[in-house]
Amino acid sequence: MNKEKRTAVEQIIKGFLLSNQVVVLDVPSEQLLNMVCDEIVGFGIIEP
């Protein structure tokens, strides 16, 4: 997945997490965002 597409996905997910006040006590919000994005878009190498 290229960086622009991942950024777009991150913005959508970040908005969802913030608007629904999703919190995992032991996980910082930025790490939670990255974990969710990785699950959705995969762990593959981001194309330049």
PDB file of N, CA and C in Angstrom:
ATOM      1  N   MET A   1       0.861  -1.174   0.000  1.00  0.00           N
ATOM      2  CA  MET A   1       0.000   0.000   0.000  1.00  0.00           C
ATOM      3  C   MET A   1       0.900   1.228   0.000  1.00  0.00           C
ATOM      4  N   ASN A   2       0.535   2.198  -0.808  1.00  0.00           N
ATOM      5  CA  ASN A   2       1.375   3.392  -0.822  1.00  0.00           C
ATOM      6  C   ASN A   2       1.037   4.307   0.351  1.00  0.00           C
ATOM      7  N   LYS A   3       1.953   5.226   0.587  1.00  0.00           N
ATOM      8  CA  LYS A   3       1.848   6.072   1.778  1.00  0.00           C
ATOM      9  C   LYS A   3       0.597   6.945   1.766  1.00  0.00           C
ATOM     10  N   GLU A   4       0.207   7.459   0.593  1.00  0.00           N
ATOM     11  CA  GLU A   4      -0.978   8.318   0.519  1.00  0.00           C
ATOM     12  C   GLU A   4      -2.243   7.550   0.899  1.00  0.00           C
ATOM     13  N   LYS A   5      -2.346   6.315   0.418  1.00  0.00           N
ATOM     14  CA  LYS A   5      -3.531   5.507   0.737  1.00  0.00           C
ATOM     15  C   LYS A   5      -3.566   5.183   2.222  1.00  0.00           C
ATOM     16  N   ARG A   6      -2.410   4.848   2.778  1.00  0.00           N
ATOM     17  CA  ARG A   6      -2.385   4.531   4.210  1.00  0.00           C
ATOM     18  C   ARG A   6      -2.749   5.767   5.031  1.00  0.00           C
ATOM     19  N   THR A   7      -2.259   6.925   4.630  1.00  0.00           N
ATOM     20  CA  THR A   7      -2.578   8.159   5.346  1.00  0.00           C
ATOM     21  C   THR A   7      -4.081   8.413   5.336  1.00  0.00           C
ATOM     22  N   ALA A   8      -4.708   8.175   4.185  1.00  0.00           N
ATOM     23  CA  ALA A   8      -6.161   8.358   4.089  1.00  0.00           C
ATOM     24  C   ALA A   8      -6.885   7.399   5.031  1.00  0.00           C
ATOM     25  N   VAL A   9      -6.440   6.145   5.058  1.00  0.00           N
ATOM     26  CA  VAL A   9      -7.051   5.143   5.941  1.00  0.00           C
ATOM     27  C   VAL A   9      -6.841   5.548   7.401  1.00  0.00           C
ATOM     28  N   GLU A  10      -5.633   6.009   7.733  1.00  0.00           N
ATOM     29  CA  GLU A  10      -5.346   6.423   9.108  1.00  0.00           C
ATOM     30  C   GLU A  10      -6.264   7.555   9.555  1.00  0.00           C
ATOM     31  N   GLN A  11      -6.509   8.516   8.681  1.00  0.00           N
ATOM     32  CA  GLN A  11      -7.370   9.643   9.039  1.00  0.00           C
ATOM     33  C   GLN A  11      -8.795   9.181   9.341  1.00  0.00           C
ATOM     34  N   ILE A  12      -9.301   8.263   8.537  1.00  0.00           N
ATOM     35  CA  ILE A  12     -10.656   7.739   8.757  1.00  0.00           C
ATOM     36  C   ILE A  12     -10.725   6.994  10.088  1.00  0.00           C
ATOM     37  N   ILE A  13      -9.740   6.135  10.330  1.00  0.00           N
ATOM     38  CA  ILE A  13      -9.729   5.341  11.560  1.00  0.00           C
ATOM     39  C   ILE A  13      -9.539   6.243  12.775  1.00  0.00           C
ATOM     40  N   LYS A  14      -8.642   7.224  12.656  1.00  0.00           N
ATOM     41  CA  LYS A  14      -8.398   8.144  13.766  1.00  0.00           C
ATOM     42  C   LYS A  14      -9.677   8.894  14.120  1.00  0.00           C
ATOM     43  N   GLY A  15     -10.404   9.344  13.101  1.00  0.00           N
ATOM     44  CA  GLY A  15     -11.670  10.025  13.338  1.00  0.00           C
ATOM     45  C   GLY A  15     -12.665   9.127  14.049  1.00  0.00           C
ATOM     46  N   PHE A  16     -12.724   7.859  13.639  1.00  0.00           N
ATOM     47  CA  PHE A  16     -13.634   6.908  14.267  1.00  0.00           C
ATOM     48  C   PHE A  16     -13.252   6.683  15.729  1.00  0.00           C
ATOM     49  N   LEU A  17     -11.959   6.444  15.972  1.00  0.00           N
ATOM     50  CA  LEU A  17     -11.510   6.188  17.342  1.00  0.00           C
ATOM     51  C   LEU A  17     -11.791   7.383  18.246  1.00  0.00           C
ATOM     52  N   LEU A  18     -11.549   8.593  17.735  1.00  0.00           N
ATOM     53  CA  LEU A  18     -11.779   9.795  18.540  1.00  0.00           C
ATOM     54  C   LEU A  18     -13.265  10.057  18.758  1.00  0.00           C
ATOM     55  N   SER A  19     -14.065   9.922  17.707  1.00  0.00           N
ATOM     56  CA  SER A  19     -15.494  10.225  17.842  1.00  0.00           C
ATOM     57  C   SER A  19     -16.214   9.212  18.725  1.00  0.00           C
ATOM     58  N   ASN A  20     -15.701   7.995  18.763  1.00  0.00           N
ATOM     59  CA  ASN A  20     -16.316   6.966  19.598  1.00  0.00           C
ATOM     60  C   ASN A  20     -15.582   6.781  20.922  1.00  0.00           C
ATOM     61  N   GLN A  21     -14.577   7.604  21.153  1.00  0.00           N
ATOM     62  CA  GLN A  21     -13.788   7.575  22.383  1.00  0.00           C
ATOM     63  C   GLN A  21     -13.319   6.167  22.732  1.00  0.00           C
ATOM     64  N   VAL A  22     -12.739   5.505  21.721  1.00  0.00           N
ATOM     65  CA  VAL A  22     -12.209   4.159  21.924  1.00  0.00           C
ATOM     66  C   VAL A  22     -10.913   4.264  22.718  1.00  0.00           C
ATOM     67  N   VAL A  23     -10.847   3.557  23.842  1.00  0.00           N
ATOM     68  CA  VAL A  23      -9.670   3.604  24.702  1.00  0.00           C
ATOM     69  C   VAL A  23      -9.323   2.190  25.140  1.00  0.00           C
ATOM     70  N   VAL A  24      -8.038   1.868  25.063  1.00  0.00           N
ATOM     71  CA  VAL A  24      -7.528   0.633  25.639  1.00  0.00           C
ATOM     72  C   VAL A  24      -6.522   1.074  26.691  1.00  0.00           C
ATOM     73  N   LEU A  25      -6.791   0.751  27.933  1.00  0.00           N
ATOM     74  CA  LEU A  25      -6.036   1.325  29.046  1.00  0.00           C
ATOM     75  C   LEU A  25      -4.526   1.136  28.941  1.00  0.00           C
ATOM     76  N   ASP A  26      -4.076  -0.024  28.486  1.00  0.00           N
ATOM     77  CA  ASP A  26      -2.643  -0.308  28.464  1.00  0.00           C
ATOM     78  C   ASP A  26      -1.968   0.085  27.159  1.00  0.00           C
ATOM     79  N   VAL A  27      -2.715   0.691  26.221  1.00  0.00           N
ATOM     80  CA  VAL A  27      -2.163   1.005  24.904  1.00  0.00           C
ATOM     81  C   VAL A  27      -2.329   2.498  24.618  1.00  0.00           C
ATOM     82  N   PRO A  28      -1.210   3.201  24.373  1.00  0.00           N
ATOM     83  CA  PRO A  28      -1.317   4.621  24.005  1.00  0.00           C
ATOM     84  C   PRO A  28      -2.130   4.795  22.725  1.00  0.00           C
ATOM     85  N   SER A  29      -2.817   5.920  22.592  1.00  0.00           N
ATOM     86  CA  SER A  29      -3.728   6.118  21.462  1.00  0.00           C
ATOM     87  C   SER A  29      -3.029   6.022  20.113  1.00  0.00           C
ATOM     88  N   GLU A  30      -1.806   6.531  20.004  1.00  0.00           N
ATOM     89  CA  GLU A  30      -1.083   6.466  18.726  1.00  0.00           C
ATOM     90  C   GLU A  30      -0.742   5.018  18.377  1.00  0.00           C
ATOM     91  N   GLN A  31      -0.376   4.236  19.385  1.00  0.00           N
ATOM     92  CA  GLN A  31      -0.067   2.826  19.156  1.00  0.00           C
ATOM     93  C   GLN A  31      -1.335   2.069  18.763  1.00  0.00           C
ATOM     94  N   LEU A  32      -2.450   2.396  19.387  1.00  0.00           N
ATOM     95  CA  LEU A  32      -3.720   1.762  19.039  1.00  0.00           C
ATOM     96  C   LEU A  32      -4.071   2.054  17.586  1.00  0.00           C
ATOM     97  N   LEU A  33      -3.893   3.302  17.166  1.00  0.00           N
ATOM     98  CA  LEU A  33      -4.157   3.680  15.781  1.00  0.00           C
ATOM     99  C   LEU A  33      -3.286   2.867  14.832  1.00  0.00           C
ATOM    100  N   ASN A  34      -2.003   2.744  15.138  1.00  0.00           N
ATOM    101  CA  ASN A  34      -1.099   1.973  14.286  1.00  0.00           C
ATOM    102  C   ASN A  34      -1.482   0.503  14.237  1.00  0.00           C
ATOM    103  N   MET A  35      -1.879  -0.060  15.368  1.00  0.00           N
ATOM    104  CA  MET A  35      -2.266  -1.469  15.410  1.00  0.00           C
ATOM    105  C   MET A  35      -3.501  -1.718  14.551  1.00  0.00           C
ATOM    106  N   VAL A  36      -4.493  -0.844  14.658  1.00  0.00           N
ATOM    107  CA  VAL A  36      -5.720  -0.998  13.877  1.00  0.00           C
ATOM    108  C   VAL A  36      -5.417  -0.843  12.394  1.00  0.00           C
ATOM    109  N   CYS A  37      -4.617   0.168  12.043  1.00  0.00           N
ATOM    110  CA  CYS A  37      -4.265   0.379  10.633  1.00  0.00           C
ATOM    111  C   CYS A  37      -3.505  -0.817  10.075  1.00  0.00           C
ATOM    112  N   ASP A  38      -2.572  -1.356  10.849  1.00  0.00           N
ATOM    113  CA  ASP A  38      -1.813  -2.524  10.397  1.00  0.00           C
ATOM    114  C   ASP A  38      -2.732  -3.710  10.138  1.00  0.00           C
ATOM    115  N   GLU A  39      -3.730  -3.899  10.994  1.00  0.00           N
ATOM    116  CA  GLU A  39      -4.670  -5.002  10.805  1.00  0.00           C
ATOM    117  C   GLU A  39      -5.502  -4.812   9.546  1.00  0.00           C
ATOM    118  N   ILE A  40      -5.886  -3.584   9.261  1.00  0.00           N
ATOM    119  CA  ILE A  40      -6.745  -3.319   8.108  1.00  0.00           C
ATOM    120  C   ILE A  40      -5.967  -3.342   6.806  1.00  0.00           C
ATOM    121  N   VAL A  41      -4.825  -2.654   6.762  1.00  0.00           N
ATOM    122  CA  VAL A  41      -4.089  -2.531   5.498  1.00  0.00           C
ATOM    123  C   VAL A  41      -2.984  -3.560   5.358  1.00  0.00           C
ATOM    124  N   GLY A  42      -2.720  -4.313   6.389  1.00  0.00           N
ATOM    125  CA  GLY A  42      -1.683  -5.334   6.320  1.00  0.00           C
ATOM    126  C   GLY A  42      -0.349  -4.806   6.817  1.00  0.00           C
ATOM    127  N   PHE A  43       0.570  -5.719   6.977  1.00  0.00           N
ATOM    128  CA  PHE A  43       1.875  -5.383   7.523  1.00  0.00           C
ATOM    129  C   PHE A  43       2.917  -5.194   6.440  1.00  0.00           C
ATOM    130  N   GLY A  44       2.504  -5.194   5.171  1.00  0.00           N
ATOM    131  CA  GLY A  44       3.449  -5.102   4.061  1.00  0.00           C
ATOM    132  C   GLY A  44       4.236  -3.809   4.061  1.00  0.00           C
ATOM    133  N   ILE A  45       5.275  -3.811   3.260  1.00  0.00           N
ATOM    134  CA  ILE A  45       6.124  -2.634   3.125  1.00  0.00           C
ATOM    135  C   ILE A  45       5.330  -1.524   2.462  1.00  0.00           C
ATOM    136  N   ILE A  46       5.429  -0.337   3.023  1.00  0.00           N
ATOM    137  CA  ILE A  46       4.760   0.819   2.427  1.00  0.00           C
ATOM    138  C   ILE A  46       5.595   1.287   1.247  1.00  0.00           C
ATOM    139  N   GLU A  47       4.963   1.379   0.097  1.00  0.00           N
ATOM    140  CA  GLU A  47       5.667   1.831  -1.098  1.00  0.00           C
ATOM    141  C   GLU A  47       5.959   3.313  -0.985  1.00  0.00           C
ATOM    142  N   PRO A  48       7.099   3.751  -1.551  1.00  0.00           N
ATOM    143  CA  PRO A  48       7.433   5.183  -1.482  1.00  0.00           C
ATOM    144  C   PRO A  48       6.445   6.043  -2.240  1.00  0.00           C
TER     145      PRO A  48
END
